[in-house]
Amino acid sequence: MHIYAIIPARGGSKGLPGKNIRPLSGKPLIVWTIEAARAVPEISRIIVNTENSEIAQVSRDAGAEVFDRPKELAFDLSLCVDAFAQHLGILKEKGELPDMVVDLRATAPLRGASRIKQGIELLTRLGKEQADSVRAVSKAIKHPYKMWKREGEFIVPFLPESLTHMKEPWNAARQMLPAVFQNNGCVNAFWSETILVKKSHTGDKIASFIMEDWESVNIDSEIDFLIAEEMLKRHKGK
């Protein structure tokens, strides 16, 4: 089986300009992900998908290939599924289409090689008949039963009682609420057909595995960088 790691990394982040190559504990952010992928023997190619020349150079220096993403697929509102479809379409034309793709985000630096292997092994075991994709998840930071939306100067439950089947779940103890998980952006594995045929990152049958909170840090803000630095100090090597 041919398995590629593809790391999508735009250069145009508005929240944290240049974040994909910003230093984190002594190395550019994206290098943490490239090194984790290089430690997984099942992965035969590691390709950084980017439109940015600086990201491209840092990625090559770290041992990854680079695929030049078209500028029109690198805007803030561009869909990543479109970038993957374009990339896999070209690989198919070249006769280089992999069986499985592992989508690894550079913004998840604490995800280690063992978690990437876990995702690959799960999707391999289930096969194409049982799963279109695998996603790493972690416990939701905020429970949706306790969330609100504004109507004028008032707030009303974001989820109505007809969905929660609970009276005032926002006042309930956390232990009384059903377990809820969020995609943590650390490992998304899928068959090439899921993108090219189903036009989806996930397909219909999505398997999952659970990661710890500390390794699920996804960098979108300055605070996230500080948290990641601290977690690396505490858990590096695990």
C-alpha atoms as a PDB file:
ATOM      1  CA  MET A   1       0.000   0.000   0.000  1.00  0.00           C
ATOM      2  CA  HIS A   2       1.258   3.472  -0.898  1.00  0.00           C
ATOM      3  CA  ILE A   3       0.688   6.084   1.805  1.00  0.00           C
ATOM      4  CA  TYR A   4       1.591   9.748   1.437  1.00  0.00           C
ATOM      5  CA  ALA A   5       1.595  12.456   4.068  1.00  0.00           C
ATOM      6  CA  ILE A   6       0.389  15.765   2.691  1.00  0.00           C
ATOM      7  CA  ILE A   7       0.904  18.875   4.811  1.00  0.00           C
ATOM      8  CA  PRO A   8      -1.248  21.816   3.657  1.00  0.00           C
ATOM      9  CA  ALA A   9       0.421  25.080   4.651  1.00  0.00           C
ATOM     10  CA  ARG A  10      -0.761  28.412   3.324  1.00  0.00           C
ATOM     11  CA  GLY A  11       1.416  31.458   3.756  1.00  0.00           C
ATOM     12  CA  GLY A  12      -1.397  33.946   4.217  1.00  0.00           C
ATOM     13  CA  SER A  13      -2.527  33.556   7.829  1.00  0.00           C
ATOM     14  CA  LYS A  14      -4.060  36.845   9.004  1.00  0.00           C
ATOM     15  CA  GLY A  15      -4.341  35.897  12.668  1.00  0.00           C
ATOM     16  CA  LEU A  16      -0.678  34.940  12.995  1.00  0.00           C
ATOM     17  CA  PRO A  17       1.290  36.025   9.907  1.00  0.00           C
ATOM     18  CA  GLY A  18       4.017  33.551   9.031  1.00  0.00           C
ATOM     19  CA  LYS A  19       2.909  31.096  11.716  1.00  0.00           C
ATOM     20  CA  ASN A  20       3.788  27.943   9.750  1.00  0.00           C
ATOM     21  CA  ILE A  21       7.491  28.805   9.876  1.00  0.00           C
ATOM     22  CA  ARG A  22       7.514  30.744  13.138  1.00  0.00           C
ATOM     23  CA  PRO A  23      10.011  29.259  15.627  1.00  0.00           C
ATOM     24  CA  LEU A  24       8.566  26.962  18.281  1.00  0.00           C
ATOM     25  CA  SER A  25      11.038  25.614  20.848  1.00  0.00           C
ATOM     26  CA  GLY A  26      13.937  26.205  18.511  1.00  0.00           C
ATOM     27  CA  LYS A  27      12.597  25.055  15.149  1.00  0.00           C
ATOM     28  CA  PRO A  28      10.053  26.309  12.586  1.00  0.00           C
ATOM     29  CA  LEU A  29       6.515  25.202  13.411  1.00  0.00           C
ATOM     30  CA  ILE A  30       6.065  23.105  10.265  1.00  0.00           C
ATOM     31  CA  VAL A  31       9.271  21.164  10.964  1.00  0.00           C
ATOM     32  CA  TRP A  32       7.672  19.487  14.000  1.00  0.00           C
ATOM     33  CA  THR A  33       5.096  17.909  11.690  1.00  0.00           C
ATOM     34  CA  ILE A  34       7.593  16.982   8.976  1.00  0.00           C
ATOM     35  CA  GLU A  35       9.817  15.240  11.530  1.00  0.00           C
ATOM     36  CA  ALA A  36       6.866  13.346  13.016  1.00  0.00           C
ATOM     37  CA  ALA A  37       5.885  12.121   9.539  1.00  0.00           C
ATOM     38  CA  ARG A  38       9.470  11.100   8.750  1.00  0.00           C
ATOM     39  CA  ALA A  39       9.416   8.852  11.825  1.00  0.00           C
ATOM     40  CA  VAL A  40       6.525   6.795  10.392  1.00  0.00           C
ATOM     41  CA  PRO A  41       7.915   4.040   8.137  1.00  0.00           C
ATOM     42  CA  GLU A  42       4.525   3.381   6.520  1.00  0.00           C
ATOM     43  CA  ILE A  43       4.666   6.816   4.881  1.00  0.00           C
ATOM     44  CA  SER A  44       6.587   6.713   1.602  1.00  0.00           C
ATOM     45  CA  ARG A  45       6.359  10.405   0.659  1.00  0.00           C
ATOM     46  CA  ILE A  46       5.966  13.615   2.648  1.00  0.00           C
ATOM     47  CA  ILE A  47       4.709  16.525   0.565  1.00  0.00           C
ATOM     48  CA  VAL A  48       4.097  20.078   1.723  1.00  0.00           C
ATOM     49  CA  ASN A  49       1.311  21.720  -0.280  1.00  0.00           C
ATOM     50  CA  THR A  50       1.956  25.473  -0.290  1.00  0.00           C
ATOM     51  CA  GLU A  51       1.940  28.612  -2.409  1.00  0.00           C
ATOM     52  CA  ASN A  52       4.572  30.292  -0.225  1.00  0.00           C
ATOM     53  CA  SER A  53       8.268  30.259  -1.193  1.00  0.00           C
ATOM     54  CA  GLU A  54       9.546  30.634   2.389  1.00  0.00           C
ATOM     55  CA  ILE A  55       7.452  27.713   3.635  1.00  0.00           C
ATOM     56  CA  ALA A  56       8.639  25.722   0.619  1.00  0.00           C
ATOM     57  CA  GLN A  57      12.316  26.318   1.393  1.00  0.00           C
ATOM     58  CA  VAL A  58      11.990  25.505   5.098  1.00  0.00           C
ATOM     59  CA  SER A  59      10.110  22.329   4.174  1.00  0.00           C
ATOM     60  CA  ARG A  60      12.743  21.190   1.680  1.00  0.00           C
ATOM     61  CA  ASP A  61      15.479  21.854   4.216  1.00  0.00           C
ATOM     62  CA  ALA A  62      13.583  19.596   6.661  1.00  0.00           C
ATOM     63  CA  GLY A  63      13.427  16.742   4.140  1.00  0.00           C
ATOM     64  CA  ALA A  64       9.969  17.157   2.606  1.00  0.00           C
ATOM     65  CA  GLU A  65       8.931  17.453  -1.024  1.00  0.00           C
ATOM     66  CA  VAL A  66       7.011  20.559  -2.056  1.00  0.00           C
ATOM     67  CA  PHE A  67       3.947  20.844  -4.273  1.00  0.00           C
ATOM     68  CA  ASP A  68       3.206  24.343  -5.567  1.00  0.00           C
ATOM     69  CA  ARG A  69      -0.385  25.201  -4.725  1.00  0.00           C
ATOM     70  CA  PRO A  70      -2.089  27.572  -7.190  1.00  0.00           C
ATOM     71  CA  LYS A  71      -2.639  31.046  -5.748  1.00  0.00           C
ATOM     72  CA  GLU A  72      -6.385  30.785  -6.391  1.00  0.00           C
ATOM     73  CA  LEU A  73      -6.572  27.883  -3.915  1.00  0.00           C
ATOM     74  CA  ALA A  74      -4.674  29.727  -1.175  1.00  0.00           C
ATOM     75  CA  PHE A  75      -7.074  32.437  -0.035  1.00  0.00           C
ATOM     76  CA  ASP A  76      -8.577  32.665   3.462  1.00  0.00           C
ATOM     77  CA  LEU A  77     -11.887  31.220   2.296  1.00  0.00           C
ATOM     78  CA  SER A  78     -10.381  28.590  -0.013  1.00  0.00           C
ATOM     79  CA  LEU A  79     -11.536  25.070   0.807  1.00  0.00           C
ATOM     80  CA  CYS A  80      -8.787  22.621   1.663  1.00  0.00           C
ATOM     81  CA  VAL A  81     -10.721  19.828  -0.068  1.00  0.00           C
ATOM     82  CA  ASP A  82     -10.279  21.721  -3.359  1.00  0.00           C
ATOM     83  CA  ALA A  83      -6.522  21.976  -2.827  1.00  0.00           C
ATOM     84  CA  PHE A  84      -6.326  18.250  -2.090  1.00  0.00           C
ATOM     85  CA  ALA A  85      -8.477  17.374  -5.103  1.00  0.00           C
ATOM     86  CA  GLN A  86      -6.211  19.411  -7.391  1.00  0.00           C
ATOM     87  CA  HIS A  87      -3.081  17.866  -5.865  1.00  0.00           C
ATOM     88  CA  LEU A  88      -4.329  14.285  -6.065  1.00  0.00           C
ATOM     89  CA  GLY A  89      -5.614  14.870  -9.592  1.00  0.00           C
ATOM     90  CA  ILE A  90      -2.100  15.770 -10.733  1.00  0.00           C
ATOM     91  CA  LEU A  91      -0.605  12.792  -8.889  1.00  0.00           C
ATOM     92  CA  LYS A  92      -3.129  10.558 -10.655  1.00  0.00           C
ATOM     93  CA  GLU A  93      -2.171  11.999 -14.057  1.00  0.00           C
ATOM     94  CA  LYS A  94       1.475  11.178 -13.276  1.00  0.00           C
ATOM     95  CA  GLY A  95       0.628   7.619 -12.210  1.00  0.00           C
ATOM     96  CA  GLU A  96       1.663   8.439  -8.645  1.00  0.00           C
ATOM     97  CA  LEU A  97      -1.698   8.374  -6.869  1.00  0.00           C
ATOM     98  CA  PRO A  98      -1.376   6.876  -3.356  1.00  0.00           C
ATOM     99  CA  ASP A  99      -3.859   4.471  -1.822  1.00  0.00           C
ATOM    100  CA  MET A 100      -4.103   6.518   1.366  1.00  0.00           C
ATOM    101  CA  VAL A 101      -3.386  10.117   2.274  1.00  0.00           C
ATOM    102  CA  VAL A 102      -2.606  11.351   5.763  1.00  0.00           C
ATOM    103  CA  ASP A 103      -3.486  15.033   6.060  1.00  0.00           C
ATOM    104  CA  LEU A 104      -1.193  16.510   8.715  1.00  0.00           C
ATOM    105  CA  ARG A 105      -1.625  20.137   9.754  1.00  0.00           C
ATOM    106  CA  ALA A 106       1.497  22.095  10.621  1.00  0.00           C
ATOM    107  CA  THR A 107      -0.460  23.809  13.391  1.00  0.00           C
ATOM    108  CA  ALA A 108      -0.526  20.617  15.497  1.00  0.00           C
ATOM    109  CA  PRO A 109       3.117  20.331  16.631  1.00  0.00           C
ATOM    110  CA  LEU A 110       2.553  18.074  19.645  1.00  0.00           C
ATOM    111  CA  ARG A 111       1.106  15.201  17.635  1.00  0.00           C
ATOM    112  CA  GLY A 112       3.784  12.521  17.578  1.00  0.00           C
ATOM    113  CA  ALA A 113       4.621   9.743  15.127  1.00  0.00           C
ATOM    114  CA  SER A 114       2.747   7.167  17.225  1.00  0.00           C
ATOM    115  CA  ARG A 115      -0.532   9.027  16.684  1.00  0.00           C
ATOM    116  CA  ILE A 116       0.021   9.171  12.925  1.00  0.00           C
ATOM    117  CA  LYS A 117       0.665   5.422  12.940  1.00  0.00           C
ATOM    118  CA  GLN A 118      -2.496   4.894  14.985  1.00  0.00           C
ATOM    119  CA  GLY A 119      -4.592   6.645  12.351  1.00  0.00           C
ATOM    120  CA  ILE A 120      -2.988   4.708   9.497  1.00  0.00           C
ATOM    121  CA  GLU A 121      -3.406   1.368  11.267  1.00  0.00           C
ATOM    122  CA  LEU A 122      -7.058   2.037  12.080  1.00  0.00           C
ATOM    123  CA  LEU A 123      -8.006   2.981   8.517  1.00  0.00           C
ATOM    124  CA  THR A 124      -5.995   0.046   7.141  1.00  0.00           C
ATOM    125  CA  ARG A 125      -7.705  -2.394   9.494  1.00  0.00           C
ATOM    126  CA  LEU A 126     -11.193  -1.146   8.663  1.00  0.00           C
ATOM    127  CA  GLY A 127     -10.557  -1.015   4.919  1.00  0.00           C
ATOM    128  CA  LYS A 128     -12.476   0.870   2.253  1.00  0.00           C
ATOM    129  CA  GLU A 129     -15.686  -1.064   2.883  1.00  0.00           C
ATOM    130  CA  GLN A 130     -15.977   0.009   6.513  1.00  0.00           C
ATOM    131  CA  ALA A 131     -14.489   3.513   6.585  1.00  0.00           C
ATOM    132  CA  ASP A 132     -13.914   6.412   4.210  1.00  0.00           C
ATOM    133  CA  SER A 133     -11.629   8.212   6.636  1.00  0.00           C
ATOM    134  CA  VAL A 134     -10.197   8.412  10.137  1.00  0.00           C
ATOM    135  CA  ARG A 135     -10.032  11.544  12.265  1.00  0.00           C
ATOM    136  CA  ALA A 136      -8.232  12.172  15.523  1.00  0.00           C
ATOM    137  CA  VAL A 137     -10.494  13.775  18.118  1.00  0.00           C
ATOM    138  CA  SER A 138     -10.220  15.104  21.654  1.00  0.00           C
ATOM    139  CA  LYS A 139     -12.776  15.969  24.292  1.00  0.00           C
ATOM    140  CA  ALA A 140     -14.643  19.158  23.407  1.00  0.00           C
ATOM    141  CA  ILE A 141     -13.324  22.153  25.335  1.00  0.00           C
ATOM    142  CA  LYS A 142     -16.806  23.682  25.625  1.00  0.00           C
ATOM    143  CA  HIS A 143     -19.912  21.520  25.704  1.00  0.00           C
ATOM    144  CA  PRO A 144     -22.459  22.528  23.029  1.00  0.00           C
ATOM    145  CA  TYR A 145     -25.319  22.003  25.504  1.00  0.00           C
ATOM    146  CA  LYS A 146     -23.971  24.994  27.449  1.00  0.00           C
ATOM    147  CA  MET A 147     -23.695  27.350  24.480  1.00  0.00           C
ATOM    148  CA  TRP A 148     -25.919  30.275  23.531  1.00  0.00           C
ATOM    149  CA  LYS A 149     -26.900  32.499  20.650  1.00  0.00           C
ATOM    150  CA  ARG A 150     -28.012  36.111  20.888  1.00  0.00           C
ATOM    151  CA  GLU A 151     -31.449  37.360  19.901  1.00  0.00           C
ATOM    152  CA  GLY A 152     -31.407  41.103  20.349  1.00  0.00           C
ATOM    153  CA  GLU A 153     -30.302  41.799  23.919  1.00  0.00           C
ATOM    154  CA  PHE A 154     -31.185  38.295  25.079  1.00  0.00           C
ATOM    155  CA  ILE A 155     -29.555  34.886  24.826  1.00  0.00           C
ATOM    156  CA  VAL A 156     -31.290  31.618  24.025  1.00  0.00           C
ATOM    157  CA  PRO A 157     -29.883  28.065  24.004  1.00  0.00           C
ATOM    158  CA  PHE A 158     -27.900  27.337  20.862  1.00  0.00           C
ATOM    159  CA  LEU A 159     -29.361  23.810  20.915  1.00  0.00           C
ATOM    160  CA  PRO A 160     -33.115  23.669  21.624  1.00  0.00           C
ATOM    161  CA  GLU A 161     -34.642  21.282  24.129  1.00  0.00           C
ATOM    162  CA  SER A 162     -36.037  19.258  21.218  1.00  0.00           C
ATOM    163  CA  LEU A 163     -32.426  18.232  20.475  1.00  0.00           C
ATOM    164  CA  THR A 164     -30.932  18.026  23.963  1.00  0.00           C
ATOM    165  CA  HIS A 165     -34.001  16.463  25.626  1.00  0.00           C
ATOM    166  CA  MET A 166     -32.901  18.199  28.804  1.00  0.00           C
ATOM    167  CA  LYS A 167     -34.285  21.019  30.932  1.00  0.00           C
ATOM    168  CA  GLU A 168     -31.659  23.719  31.410  1.00  0.00           C
ATOM    169  CA  PRO A 169     -28.596  21.665  30.461  1.00  0.00           C
ATOM    170  CA  TRP A 170     -26.503  24.826  30.844  1.00  0.00           C
ATOM    171  CA  ASN A 171     -27.039  24.511  34.593  1.00  0.00           C
ATOM    172  CA  ALA A 172     -26.281  20.781  34.704  1.00  0.00           C
ATOM    173  CA  ALA A 173     -23.057  19.295  36.063  1.00  0.00           C
ATOM    174  CA  ARG A 174     -20.639  18.352  33.302  1.00  0.00           C
ATOM    175  CA  GLN A 175     -20.781  14.702  34.379  1.00  0.00           C
ATOM    176  CA  MET A 176     -24.512  14.621  33.551  1.00  0.00           C
ATOM    177  CA  LEU A 177     -23.981  15.565  29.916  1.00  0.00           C
ATOM    178  CA  PRO A 178     -23.177  13.159  27.054  1.00  0.00           C
ATOM    179  CA  ALA A 179     -19.533  12.937  26.023  1.00  0.00           C
ATOM    180  CA  VAL A 180     -18.757  15.259  23.120  1.00  0.00           C
ATOM    181  CA  PHE A 181     -15.638  15.284  20.992  1.00  0.00           C
ATOM    182  CA  GLN A 182     -14.076  17.761  18.578  1.00  0.00           C
ATOM    183  CA  ASN A 183     -11.854  17.258  15.580  1.00  0.00           C
ATOM    184  CA  ASN A 184      -8.426  18.363  16.771  1.00  0.00           C
ATOM    185  CA  GLY A 185      -6.776  18.757  13.367  1.00  0.00           C
ATOM    186  CA  CYS A 186      -3.892  16.446  14.288  1.00  0.00           C
ATOM    187  CA  VAL A 187      -4.447  13.428  12.020  1.00  0.00           C
ATOM    188  CA  ASN A 188      -6.913  13.076   9.150  1.00  0.00           C
ATOM    189  CA  ALA A 189      -6.383   9.933   7.082  1.00  0.00           C
ATOM    190  CA  PHE A 190      -8.485   9.047   4.045  1.00  0.00           C
ATOM    191  CA  TRP A 191      -8.464   6.984   0.880  1.00  0.00           C
ATOM    192  CA  SER A 192      -7.655   8.885  -2.307  1.00  0.00           C
ATOM    193  CA  GLU A 193     -11.107   7.938  -3.626  1.00  0.00           C
ATOM    194  CA  THR A 194     -12.735   9.796  -0.747  1.00  0.00           C
ATOM    195  CA  ILE A 195     -11.418  13.049  -2.211  1.00  0.00           C
ATOM    196  CA  LEU A 196     -11.523  12.250  -5.919  1.00  0.00           C
ATOM    197  CA  VAL A 197     -14.831  10.347  -6.074  1.00  0.00           C
ATOM    198  CA  LYS A 198     -16.825  11.548  -3.060  1.00  0.00           C
ATOM    199  CA  LYS A 199     -15.423  15.098  -3.230  1.00  0.00           C
ATOM    200  CA  SER A 200     -15.000  15.038   0.529  1.00  0.00           C
ATOM    201  CA  HIS A 201     -12.263  15.020   3.134  1.00  0.00           C
ATOM    202  CA  THR A 202     -14.230  12.583   5.264  1.00  0.00           C
ATOM    203  CA  GLY A 203     -16.798  10.713   3.205  1.00  0.00           C
ATOM    204  CA  ASP A 204     -19.771   9.170   4.979  1.00  0.00           C
ATOM    205  CA  LYS A 205     -18.134   6.653   7.307  1.00  0.00           C
ATOM    206  CA  ILE A 206     -15.712   8.408   9.631  1.00  0.00           C
ATOM    207  CA  ALA A 207     -13.752   6.355  12.158  1.00  0.00           C
ATOM    208  CA  SER A 208     -11.935   8.028  15.039  1.00  0.00           C
ATOM    209  CA  PHE A 209      -9.467   7.676  17.861  1.00  0.00           C
ATOM    210  CA  ILE A 210      -9.133   9.869  20.945  1.00  0.00           C
ATOM    211  CA  MET A 211      -6.087  11.954  21.806  1.00  0.00           C
ATOM    212  CA  GLU A 212      -5.193  13.678  25.058  1.00  0.00           C
ATOM    213  CA  ASP A 213      -5.838  17.390  25.503  1.00  0.00           C
ATOM    214  CA  TRP A 214      -2.159  18.298  25.840  1.00  0.00           C
ATOM    215  CA  GLU A 215      -1.191  16.732  22.495  1.00  0.00           C
ATOM    216  CA  SER A 216      -4.190  18.219  20.697  1.00  0.00           C
ATOM    217  CA  VAL A 217      -3.057  21.851  20.887  1.00  0.00           C
ATOM    218  CA  ASN A 218      -3.787  23.513  17.544  1.00  0.00           C
ATOM    219  CA  ILE A 219      -2.063  26.830  16.984  1.00  0.00           C
ATOM    220  CA  ASP A 220      -4.317  29.680  15.898  1.00  0.00           C
ATOM    221  CA  SER A 221      -3.292  32.433  18.335  1.00  0.00           C
ATOM    222  CA  GLU A 222      -0.434  33.805  20.439  1.00  0.00           C
ATOM    223  CA  ILE A 223      -1.872  32.016  23.464  1.00  0.00           C
ATOM    224  CA  ASP A 224      -1.729  28.715  21.576  1.00  0.00           C
ATOM    225  CA  PHE A 225       1.993  29.245  20.925  1.00  0.00           C
ATOM    226  CA  LEU A 226       2.594  29.779  24.646  1.00  0.00           C
ATOM    227  CA  ILE A 227       0.603  26.659  25.520  1.00  0.00           C
ATOM    228  CA  ALA A 228       2.462  24.596  22.915  1.00  0.00           C
ATOM    229  CA  GLU A 229       5.830  25.781  24.246  1.00  0.00           C
ATOM    230  CA  GLU A 230       4.865  24.728  27.764  1.00  0.00           C
ATOM    231  CA  MET A 231       3.456  21.362  26.688  1.00  0.00           C
ATOM    232  CA  LEU A 232       6.622  20.613  24.718  1.00  0.00           C
ATOM    233  CA  LYS A 233       8.668  21.268  27.843  1.00  0.00           C
ATOM    234  CA  ARG A 234       6.500  18.923  29.880  1.00  0.00           C
ATOM    235  CA  HIS A 235       5.893  16.129  27.399  1.00  0.00           C
ATOM    236  CA  LYS A 236       8.744  16.190  24.869  1.00  0.00           C
ATOM    237  CA  GLY A 237       9.812  12.672  24.004  1.00  0.00           C
ATOM    238  CA  LYS A 238       6.501  10.997  24.915  1.00  0.00           C
END
